[in-house]
Amino acid sequence: MRQKLILTAIFLVLTFSTYAQKFFVEKADGGSEKVIIDKLLEENIQVTFKEDSADYTLKSNIKKMSLGRAKGNILIIENKTGNLYGKTTDTWGSARLVNGYDNPVADVLRRICKKSLMALIAPLKRG
């Protein structure tokens, strides 16, 4: 009985771990993709550093840049099909004293990660 229970537990762990989705984060302006990677890791989401081994690609889509300000969103692309799964809402960010005059693109991505990225990824998380 005990062996059967142990084998069942091992099977369940292996089954769930094989279905976990992997995300690749495409490079962004000035290394600001690190903001997205940090948030994914904080949420225990699998991140891969090879695009061909990922199920989804997260791509920062910066539309406007002006003096110390940026506006954009994050696109989620299915790697198998190349189709757009979804995108976050457009958000503004800026280089301000509060964020140490950080790259405005990093500020945009940080705000998106806080507000809407995890809600968009939630249905994709398995495992």
C-alpha atoms as a PDB file:
ATOM      1  CA  MET A   1       0.000   0.000   0.000  1.00  0.00           C
ATOM      2  CA  ARG A   2       2.794   2.402   0.938  1.00  0.00           C
ATOM      3  CA  GLN A   3       4.711   1.681  -2.290  1.00  0.00           C
ATOM      4  CA  LYS A   4       1.599   2.296  -4.339  1.00  0.00           C
ATOM      5  CA  LEU A   5       1.064   5.627  -2.574  1.00  0.00           C
ATOM      6  CA  ILE A   6       4.665   6.681  -3.194  1.00  0.00           C
ATOM      7  CA  LEU A   7       4.461   5.692  -6.874  1.00  0.00           C
ATOM      8  CA  THR A   8       1.209   7.622  -7.257  1.00  0.00           C
ATOM      9  CA  ALA A   9       2.759  10.723  -5.663  1.00  0.00           C
ATOM     10  CA  ILE A  10       5.809  10.519  -7.952  1.00  0.00           C
ATOM     11  CA  PHE A  11       3.557  10.097 -10.986  1.00  0.00           C
ATOM     12  CA  LEU A  12       1.486  13.144 -10.044  1.00  0.00           C
ATOM     13  CA  VAL A  13       4.556  15.314  -9.494  1.00  0.00           C
ATOM     14  CA  LEU A  14       6.057  14.283 -12.837  1.00  0.00           C
ATOM     15  CA  THR A  15       2.753  14.743 -14.635  1.00  0.00           C
ATOM     16  CA  PHE A  16       2.145  18.253 -13.321  1.00  0.00           C
ATOM     17  CA  SER A  17       5.717  19.383 -13.845  1.00  0.00           C
ATOM     18  CA  THR A  18       5.677  18.318 -17.487  1.00  0.00           C
ATOM     19  CA  TYR A  19       2.594  20.423 -18.216  1.00  0.00           C
ATOM     20  CA  ALA A  20       3.980  23.659 -16.802  1.00  0.00           C
ATOM     21  CA  GLN A  21       4.141  26.364 -19.457  1.00  0.00           C
ATOM     22  CA  LYS A  22       7.515  27.918 -20.216  1.00  0.00           C
ATOM     23  CA  PHE A  23       7.920  31.586 -21.060  1.00  0.00           C
ATOM     24  CA  PHE A  24      10.662  33.306 -23.017  1.00  0.00           C
ATOM     25  CA  VAL A  25      11.139  37.058 -22.544  1.00  0.00           C
ATOM     26  CA  GLU A  26      12.438  38.849 -25.617  1.00  0.00           C
ATOM     27  CA  LYS A  27      15.208  41.393 -25.124  1.00  0.00           C
ATOM     28  CA  ALA A  28      14.039  44.972 -24.590  1.00  0.00           C
ATOM     29  CA  ASP A  29      15.548  48.438 -24.517  1.00  0.00           C
ATOM     30  CA  GLY A  30      18.565  48.700 -22.216  1.00  0.00           C
ATOM     31  CA  GLY A  31      18.031  45.324 -20.554  1.00  0.00           C
ATOM     32  CA  SER A  32      14.630  46.325 -19.193  1.00  0.00           C
ATOM     33  CA  GLU A  33      13.289  42.817 -19.918  1.00  0.00           C
ATOM     34  CA  LYS A  34      14.822  41.895 -16.549  1.00  0.00           C
ATOM     35  CA  VAL A  35      11.792  43.538 -14.907  1.00  0.00           C
ATOM     36  CA  ILE A  36       9.488  40.988 -16.576  1.00  0.00           C
ATOM     37  CA  ILE A  37      11.793  38.055 -15.846  1.00  0.00           C
ATOM     38  CA  ASP A  38      12.027  39.016 -12.171  1.00  0.00           C
ATOM     39  CA  LYS A  39       8.223  39.205 -11.873  1.00  0.00           C
ATOM     40  CA  LEU A  40       7.745  35.811 -13.535  1.00  0.00           C
ATOM     41  CA  LEU A  41      10.306  34.188 -11.255  1.00  0.00           C
ATOM     42  CA  GLU A  42       8.741  35.873  -8.224  1.00  0.00           C
ATOM     43  CA  GLU A  43       5.418  34.277  -9.204  1.00  0.00           C
ATOM     44  CA  ASN A  44       7.095  30.834  -9.662  1.00  0.00           C
ATOM     45  CA  ILE A  45       6.489  30.819 -13.407  1.00  0.00           C
ATOM     46  CA  GLN A  46       8.947  28.866 -15.544  1.00  0.00           C
ATOM     47  CA  VAL A  47      11.247  31.102 -17.588  1.00  0.00           C
ATOM     48  CA  THR A  48      13.477  29.735 -20.309  1.00  0.00           C
ATOM     49  CA  PHE A  49      16.313  31.550 -21.981  1.00  0.00           C
ATOM     50  CA  LYS A  50      15.920  29.730 -25.307  1.00  0.00           C
ATOM     51  CA  GLU A  51      13.012  30.842 -27.445  1.00  0.00           C
ATOM     52  CA  ASP A  52      12.665  27.465 -29.185  1.00  0.00           C
ATOM     53  CA  SER A  53      12.044  25.664 -25.867  1.00  0.00           C
ATOM     54  CA  ALA A  54       9.317  28.084 -24.721  1.00  0.00           C
ATOM     55  CA  ASP A  55       5.570  27.739 -25.096  1.00  0.00           C
ATOM     56  CA  TYR A  56       5.007  31.510 -25.088  1.00  0.00           C
ATOM     57  CA  THR A  57       7.115  34.591 -25.815  1.00  0.00           C
ATOM     58  CA  LEU A  58       6.628  37.849 -23.942  1.00  0.00           C
ATOM     59  CA  LYS A  59       7.582  40.856 -26.023  1.00  0.00           C
ATOM     60  CA  SER A  60       7.669  44.464 -24.886  1.00  0.00           C
ATOM     61  CA  ASN A  61       5.897  46.663 -27.405  1.00  0.00           C
ATOM     62  CA  ILE A  62       6.996  50.263 -26.829  1.00  0.00           C
ATOM     63  CA  LYS A  63       4.974  52.594 -29.032  1.00  0.00           C
ATOM     64  CA  LYS A  64       6.039  56.073 -27.977  1.00  0.00           C
ATOM     65  CA  MET A  65       9.218  57.482 -26.523  1.00  0.00           C
ATOM     66  CA  SER A  66       9.792  61.115 -25.669  1.00  0.00           C
ATOM     67  CA  LEU A  67      11.894  63.040 -23.198  1.00  0.00           C
ATOM     68  CA  GLY A  68      12.010  60.706 -20.220  1.00  0.00           C
ATOM     69  CA  ARG A  69       8.628  59.090 -20.996  1.00  0.00           C
ATOM     70  CA  ALA A  70       7.551  55.904 -22.735  1.00  0.00           C
ATOM     71  CA  LYS A  71       4.243  54.228 -23.579  1.00  0.00           C
ATOM     72  CA  GLY A  72       3.665  50.613 -24.474  1.00  0.00           C
ATOM     73  CA  ASN A  73       2.360  47.182 -23.599  1.00  0.00           C
ATOM     74  CA  ILE A  74       3.466  43.555 -23.431  1.00  0.00           C
ATOM     75  CA  LEU A  75       2.477  41.058 -26.120  1.00  0.00           C
ATOM     76  CA  ILE A  76       2.099  37.332 -25.432  1.00  0.00           C
ATOM     77  CA  ILE A  77       2.806  35.222 -28.510  1.00  0.00           C
ATOM     78  CA  GLU A  78       2.163  31.472 -28.821  1.00  0.00           C
ATOM     79  CA  ASN A  79       5.385  29.932 -30.079  1.00  0.00           C
ATOM     80  CA  LYS A  80       3.818  26.941 -31.838  1.00  0.00           C
ATOM     81  CA  THR A  81       1.543  29.015 -34.039  1.00  0.00           C
ATOM     82  CA  GLY A  82       3.101  32.476 -33.912  1.00  0.00           C
ATOM     83  CA  ASN A  83      -0.337  33.874 -33.091  1.00  0.00           C
ATOM     84  CA  LEU A  84      -0.930  36.660 -30.618  1.00  0.00           C
ATOM     85  CA  TYR A  85      -2.435  35.185 -27.433  1.00  0.00           C
ATOM     86  CA  GLY A  86      -3.073  38.546 -25.815  1.00  0.00           C
ATOM     87  CA  LYS A  87      -1.693  41.910 -24.858  1.00  0.00           C
ATOM     88  CA  THR A  88      -1.741  44.098 -21.801  1.00  0.00           C
ATOM     89  CA  THR A  89      -3.235  47.562 -21.762  1.00  0.00           C
ATOM     90  CA  ASP A  90      -1.137  50.509 -22.909  1.00  0.00           C
ATOM     91  CA  THR A  91       0.695  52.077 -19.994  1.00  0.00           C
ATOM     92  CA  TRP A  92       2.867  55.173 -19.556  1.00  0.00           C
ATOM     93  CA  GLY A  93       6.135  55.207 -17.643  1.00  0.00           C
ATOM     94  CA  SER A  94       8.740  57.834 -16.978  1.00  0.00           C
ATOM     95  CA  ALA A  95      12.207  58.447 -15.628  1.00  0.00           C
ATOM     96  CA  ARG A  96      11.520  60.104 -12.280  1.00  0.00           C
ATOM     97  CA  LEU A  97      13.418  60.755  -9.101  1.00  0.00           C
ATOM     98  CA  VAL A  98      11.253  58.130  -7.350  1.00  0.00           C
ATOM     99  CA  ASN A  99      12.591  55.339  -9.569  1.00  0.00           C
ATOM    100  CA  GLY A 100      16.144  56.694  -9.641  1.00  0.00           C
ATOM    101  CA  TYR A 101      15.718  58.101 -13.139  1.00  0.00           C
ATOM    102  CA  ASP A 102      15.499  54.531 -14.382  1.00  0.00           C
ATOM    103  CA  ASN A 103      14.958  53.773 -18.047  1.00  0.00           C
ATOM    104  CA  PRO A 104      11.351  54.837 -18.855  1.00  0.00           C
ATOM    105  CA  VAL A 105      10.835  51.535 -20.715  1.00  0.00           C
ATOM    106  CA  ALA A 106      11.697  49.645 -17.519  1.00  0.00           C
ATOM    107  CA  ASP A 107       9.175  51.805 -15.662  1.00  0.00           C
ATOM    108  CA  VAL A 108       6.469  50.949 -18.232  1.00  0.00           C
ATOM    109  CA  LEU A 109       7.218  47.234 -17.918  1.00  0.00           C
ATOM    110  CA  ARG A 110       7.301  47.418 -14.106  1.00  0.00           C
ATOM    111  CA  ARG A 111       3.875  49.095 -14.041  1.00  0.00           C
ATOM    112  CA  ILE A 112       2.422  46.533 -16.452  1.00  0.00           C
ATOM    113  CA  CYS A 113       3.794  43.648 -14.375  1.00  0.00           C
ATOM    114  CA  LYS A 114       2.148  45.127 -11.282  1.00  0.00           C
ATOM    115  CA  LYS A 115      -1.218  45.868 -12.903  1.00  0.00           C
ATOM    116  CA  SER A 116      -2.155  43.417 -15.627  1.00  0.00           C
ATOM    117  CA  LEU A 117       0.465  40.918 -16.777  1.00  0.00           C
ATOM    118  CA  MET A 118      -0.183  38.251 -14.142  1.00  0.00           C
ATOM    119  CA  ALA A 119      -3.947  38.341 -14.783  1.00  0.00           C
ATOM    120  CA  LEU A 120      -3.298  37.743 -18.484  1.00  0.00           C
ATOM    121  CA  ILE A 121      -0.864  34.888 -17.803  1.00  0.00           C
ATOM    122  CA  ALA A 122      -2.991  33.222 -15.087  1.00  0.00           C
ATOM    123  CA  PRO A 123      -4.996  31.001 -17.494  1.00  0.00           C
ATOM    124  CA  LEU A 124      -1.737  29.789 -19.047  1.00  0.00           C
ATOM    125  CA  LYS A 125      -0.132  28.664 -15.801  1.00  0.00           C
ATOM    126  CA  ARG A 126      -0.309  24.936 -15.300  1.00  0.00           C
ATOM    127  CA  GLY A 127       1.693  22.849 -12.936  1.00  0.00           C
END
